[in-house]
Structure formats: C-alpha cells, structure tokens
C-alpha cells in the first residue's frame, strides 16, 4: 500500500493561492460627519443587498457598535415604509 503525505492530495501538491486582503474599516468611526439615522435612506441602502437584506459586519467592515445602530435604523426605516422589507423580482 502506498501512502502519501497529508499535505498532498491524490494529484500532487496544490499551488498556494495568494489572496490580497484589503483592510476593512468602519465608515462611521473614520468620518464623524456621517450619522446613522433612519431618515437617511440613501446611506442605509449602501448596507443592504439588492434583495433588501442587511449585510453582515464581516462584509461591510463596520465595528460592532455601529453595526447594531445601523441594524436598528434599517428596521425603523422598514417599519415606516422608507425602505422595503423585500425587493421582488419583476
């Protein structure tokens, strides 16, 4: 029986992929002029997907404090119909 090292697959060693990780930063921490308000729908739309879902922190790069504030603002804007809950196809 022939054994292969754990680092190699059945077809040989895999080439190393090089990823460029851009440092994510919180927009609201860096720019003190930006405010999170439910009335500013254009700012809130930047943090929702095209389907209307709230984007997670790991994608937007927000800090935990501002992500919580952003979530509350988006939910308030949805409740008073400034933002849609779901964007339908068609």
N, C-alpha and C. Protein backbone atom coordinates (compact mmCIF):
# COMPACT_ATOMS: atom_id res chain seq x y z
N UNK A 1 0.84 -1.19 0.00
CA UNK A 1 0.00 0.00 0.00
C UNK A 1 0.88 1.24 0.00
N UNK A 2 0.57 2.19 -0.86
CA UNK A 2 1.34 3.42 -0.99
C UNK A 2 0.65 4.51 -0.18
N UNK A 3 1.41 5.20 0.65
CA UNK A 3 0.85 6.30 1.43
C UNK A 3 1.39 7.62 0.91
N UNK A 4 0.58 8.63 0.99
CA UNK A 4 1.00 9.97 0.57
C UNK A 4 0.97 10.90 1.77
N UNK A 5 1.82 11.90 1.82
CA UNK A 5 1.79 12.86 2.93
C UNK A 5 0.46 13.60 2.97
N UNK A 6 0.08 14.07 4.14
CA UNK A 6 -1.21 14.74 4.33
C UNK A 6 -1.29 16.06 3.57
N UNK A 7 -0.15 16.70 3.31
CA UNK A 7 -0.18 18.00 2.63
C UNK A 7 -0.47 17.87 1.14
N UNK A 8 -0.30 16.66 0.62
CA UNK A 8 -0.53 16.47 -0.81
C UNK A 8 -1.86 15.78 -1.04
N UNK A 9 -2.51 16.16 -2.09
CA UNK A 9 -3.75 15.49 -2.47
C UNK A 9 -3.42 14.29 -3.35
N UNK A 10 -4.42 13.64 -3.88
CA UNK A 10 -4.18 12.48 -4.73
C UNK A 10 -3.50 12.84 -6.05
N UNK A 11 -3.58 14.11 -6.45
CA UNK A 11 -3.00 14.53 -7.72
C UNK A 11 -1.69 15.30 -7.54
N UNK A 12 -1.16 15.34 -6.34
CA UNK A 12 0.10 16.03 -6.09
C UNK A 12 -0.10 17.28 -5.26
N UNK A 13 0.97 18.03 -5.02
CA UNK A 13 0.86 19.23 -4.18
C UNK A 13 0.03 20.32 -4.85
N UNK A 14 -0.73 21.03 -4.06
CA UNK A 14 -1.56 22.11 -4.59
C UNK A 14 -0.77 23.41 -4.64
N UNK A 15 -0.98 24.20 -5.67
CA UNK A 15 -0.30 25.51 -5.70
C UNK A 15 -0.91 26.43 -4.64
N UNK A 16 -0.09 27.23 -4.02
CA UNK A 16 -0.55 28.16 -2.99
C UNK A 16 -1.25 29.33 -3.64
N UNK A 17 -2.46 29.64 -3.16
CA UNK A 17 -3.20 30.78 -3.68
C UNK A 17 -2.81 32.01 -2.88
N UNK A 18 -2.57 33.10 -3.57
CA UNK A 18 -2.23 34.34 -2.89
C UNK A 18 -3.44 35.26 -2.90
N UNK A 19 -3.91 35.62 -1.72
CA UNK A 19 -5.06 36.49 -1.59
C UNK A 19 -4.60 37.86 -1.13
N UNK A 20 -5.21 38.89 -1.69
CA UNK A 20 -4.94 40.24 -1.23
C UNK A 20 -6.10 40.65 -0.36
N UNK A 21 -5.84 40.83 0.92
CA UNK A 21 -6.88 41.22 1.86
C UNK A 21 -6.82 42.72 2.07
N UNK A 22 -7.86 43.40 1.62
CA UNK A 22 -7.95 44.84 1.84
C UNK A 22 -8.47 45.06 3.24
N UNK A 23 -7.84 45.93 3.97
CA UNK A 23 -8.23 46.19 5.35
C UNK A 23 -9.60 46.85 5.36
N UNK A 24 -10.54 46.25 6.09
CA UNK A 24 -11.87 46.83 6.19
C UNK A 24 -11.89 47.80 7.35
N UNK A 25 -12.64 48.86 7.20
CA UNK A 25 -12.71 49.86 8.25
C UNK A 25 -14.15 50.32 8.40
N UNK A 26 -14.46 50.80 9.58
CA UNK A 26 -15.80 51.30 9.85
C UNK A 26 -15.92 52.72 9.31
N UNK A 27 -16.87 52.92 8.42
CA UNK A 27 -17.07 54.25 7.82
C UNK A 27 -17.44 55.29 8.85
N UNK A 28 -18.23 54.87 9.82
CA UNK A 28 -18.78 55.80 10.81
C UNK A 28 -17.74 56.18 11.86
N UNK A 29 -16.76 55.32 12.12
CA UNK A 29 -15.69 55.67 13.06
C UNK A 29 -14.69 56.62 12.41
N UNK A 30 -14.41 56.44 11.12
CA UNK A 30 -13.42 57.27 10.45
C UNK A 30 -13.96 58.65 10.09
N UNK A 31 -15.23 58.74 9.71
CA UNK A 31 -15.82 60.02 9.33
C UNK A 31 -16.89 60.41 10.35
N UNK A 32 -16.59 61.38 11.19
CA UNK A 32 -17.52 61.76 12.26
C UNK A 32 -18.72 62.55 11.72
N UNK A 33 -18.67 63.01 10.47
CA UNK A 33 -19.81 63.73 9.88
C UNK A 33 -20.95 62.80 9.50
N UNK A 34 -20.64 61.52 9.25
CA UNK A 34 -21.67 60.55 8.90
C UNK A 34 -22.47 60.17 10.13
N UNK A 35 -23.75 60.26 10.04
CA UNK A 35 -24.63 59.88 11.14
C UNK A 35 -25.55 58.75 10.67
N UNK A 36 -25.88 57.88 11.59
CA UNK A 36 -26.80 56.79 11.28
C UNK A 36 -28.19 57.22 11.73
N UNK A 37 -29.03 57.53 10.76
CA UNK A 37 -30.41 57.91 11.05
C UNK A 37 -31.33 57.16 10.11
N UNK A 38 -32.49 56.79 10.62
CA UNK A 38 -33.44 56.02 9.81
C UNK A 38 -33.99 56.85 8.65
N UNK A 39 -33.89 58.18 8.74
CA UNK A 39 -34.44 59.05 7.69
C UNK A 39 -33.51 59.14 6.47
N UNK A 40 -32.24 58.82 6.65
CA UNK A 40 -31.28 58.90 5.55
C UNK A 40 -31.24 57.55 4.82
N UNK A 41 -32.19 57.37 3.93
CA UNK A 41 -32.33 56.08 3.27
C UNK A 41 -31.19 55.78 2.30
N UNK A 42 -30.60 56.80 1.71
CA UNK A 42 -29.52 56.56 0.76
C UNK A 42 -28.31 55.94 1.46
N UNK A 43 -28.01 56.40 2.66
CA UNK A 43 -26.91 55.82 3.43
C UNK A 43 -27.24 54.39 3.83
N UNK A 44 -28.48 54.15 4.22
CA UNK A 44 -28.88 52.82 4.66
C UNK A 44 -28.91 51.82 3.51
N UNK A 45 -29.20 52.28 2.31
CA UNK A 45 -29.23 51.38 1.15
C UNK A 45 -27.85 50.81 0.83
N UNK A 46 -26.79 51.53 1.20
CA UNK A 46 -25.44 51.03 0.97
C UNK A 46 -25.15 49.78 1.80
N UNK A 47 -25.91 49.59 2.87
CA UNK A 47 -25.67 48.47 3.77
C UNK A 47 -26.72 47.39 3.66
N UNK A 48 -27.49 47.40 2.58
CA UNK A 48 -28.43 46.33 2.30
C UNK A 48 -28.12 45.74 0.93
N UNK A 49 -28.49 44.48 0.74
CA UNK A 49 -28.27 43.83 -0.54
C UNK A 49 -29.33 44.29 -1.54
N UNK A 50 -29.21 43.85 -2.77
CA UNK A 50 -30.20 44.22 -3.78
C UNK A 50 -31.55 43.58 -3.49
N UNK A 51 -31.57 42.54 -2.66
CA UNK A 51 -32.81 41.89 -2.25
C UNK A 51 -33.43 42.55 -1.03
N UNK A 52 -32.69 43.44 -0.35
CA UNK A 52 -33.22 44.13 0.81
C UNK A 52 -32.74 43.60 2.14
N UNK A 53 -31.83 42.62 2.11
CA UNK A 53 -31.31 42.06 3.36
C UNK A 53 -30.20 42.94 3.92
N UNK A 54 -30.03 42.93 5.23
CA UNK A 54 -28.97 43.69 5.88
C UNK A 54 -27.66 42.93 5.71
N UNK A 55 -26.63 43.63 5.23
CA UNK A 55 -25.33 42.98 5.04
C UNK A 55 -24.63 42.78 6.38
N UNK A 56 -23.93 41.65 6.55
CA UNK A 56 -23.26 41.39 7.82
C UNK A 56 -22.00 42.24 8.00
N UNK A 57 -21.56 42.28 9.23
CA UNK A 57 -20.41 43.08 9.64
C UNK A 57 -19.14 42.66 8.92
N UNK A 58 -18.97 41.36 8.72
CA UNK A 58 -17.73 40.87 8.10
C UNK A 58 -17.61 41.33 6.65
N UNK A 59 -18.72 41.67 6.03
CA UNK A 59 -18.68 42.15 4.65
C UNK A 59 -18.57 43.67 4.61
N UNK A 60 -19.34 44.37 5.44
CA UNK A 60 -19.32 45.84 5.41
C UNK A 60 -18.10 46.42 6.08
N UNK A 61 -17.56 45.72 7.08
CA UNK A 61 -16.39 46.23 7.78
C UNK A 61 -16.73 47.17 8.93
N UNK A 62 -17.99 47.27 9.28
CA UNK A 62 -18.38 48.14 10.39
C UNK A 62 -17.93 47.56 11.72
N UNK A 63 -17.77 48.44 12.71
CA UNK A 63 -17.49 47.95 14.06
C UNK A 63 -18.83 47.48 14.66
N UNK A 64 -18.75 46.77 15.78
CA UNK A 64 -19.95 46.17 16.37
C UNK A 64 -20.96 47.23 16.80
N UNK A 65 -20.46 48.30 17.38
CA UNK A 65 -21.35 49.37 17.85
C UNK A 65 -22.16 49.97 16.71
N UNK A 66 -21.48 50.32 15.63
CA UNK A 66 -22.16 50.96 14.51
C UNK A 66 -23.01 49.98 13.73
N UNK A 67 -22.63 48.71 13.70
CA UNK A 67 -23.46 47.71 13.02
C UNK A 67 -24.80 47.55 13.74
N UNK A 68 -24.77 47.58 15.08
CA UNK A 68 -26.02 47.50 15.85
C UNK A 68 -26.89 48.71 15.58
N UNK A 69 -26.30 49.90 15.58
CA UNK A 69 -27.07 51.12 15.30
C UNK A 69 -27.65 51.09 13.89
N UNK A 70 -26.85 50.61 12.96
CA UNK A 70 -27.28 50.52 11.56
C UNK A 70 -28.46 49.57 11.41
N UNK A 71 -28.40 48.44 12.10
CA UNK A 71 -29.49 47.46 12.04
C UNK A 71 -30.78 48.04 12.57
N UNK A 72 -30.70 48.74 13.69
CA UNK A 72 -31.89 49.36 14.28
C UNK A 72 -32.46 50.41 13.32
N UNK A 73 -31.59 51.22 12.71
CA UNK A 73 -32.04 52.27 11.79
C UNK A 73 -32.71 51.67 10.56
N UNK A 74 -32.16 50.59 10.02
CA UNK A 74 -32.75 49.94 8.85
C UNK A 74 -34.12 49.36 9.20
N UNK A 75 -34.22 48.75 10.38
CA UNK A 75 -35.50 48.17 10.79
C UNK A 75 -36.55 49.26 11.01
N UNK A 76 -36.15 50.40 11.56
CA UNK A 76 -37.09 51.51 11.73
C UNK A 76 -37.55 52.06 10.39
N UNK A 77 -36.61 52.20 9.46
CA UNK A 77 -36.95 52.71 8.13
C UNK A 77 -37.89 51.75 7.40
N UNK A 78 -37.72 50.45 7.61
CA UNK A 78 -38.62 49.47 7.01
C UNK A 78 -40.02 49.59 7.60
N UNK A 79 -40.09 49.79 8.91
CA UNK A 79 -41.38 49.85 9.58
C UNK A 79 -42.23 51.01 9.09
N UNK A 80 -41.61 52.16 8.83
CA UNK A 80 -42.39 53.30 8.35
C UNK A 80 -42.34 53.44 6.83
N UNK A 81 -41.95 52.36 6.16
CA UNK A 81 -42.01 52.23 4.70
C UNK A 81 -41.07 53.16 3.94
N UNK A 82 -39.93 53.50 4.54
CA UNK A 82 -38.91 54.24 3.79
C UNK A 82 -38.01 53.27 3.01
N UNK A 83 -37.84 52.08 3.55
CA UNK A 83 -37.09 51.01 2.88
C UNK A 83 -38.01 49.79 2.75
N UNK A 84 -37.83 49.00 1.69
CA UNK A 84 -38.67 47.81 1.56
C UNK A 84 -38.13 46.66 2.42
N UNK A 85 -39.05 45.81 2.88
CA UNK A 85 -38.63 44.60 3.58
C UNK A 85 -38.00 43.63 2.62
N UNK A 86 -38.65 43.44 1.46
CA UNK A 86 -38.18 42.52 0.44
C UNK A 86 -38.34 43.19 -0.90
N UNK A 87 -37.35 43.05 -1.77
CA UNK A 87 -37.44 43.58 -3.13
C UNK A 87 -37.83 42.41 -4.03
N UNK A 88 -38.97 42.52 -4.68
CA UNK A 88 -39.45 41.41 -5.50
C UNK A 88 -38.86 41.49 -6.91
N UNK A 89 -38.76 40.35 -7.54
CA UNK A 89 -38.29 40.26 -8.93
C UNK A 89 -39.43 40.67 -9.85
N UNK A 90 -39.06 41.41 -10.90
CA UNK A 90 -40.11 41.67 -11.87
C UNK A 90 -40.31 43.06 -12.09
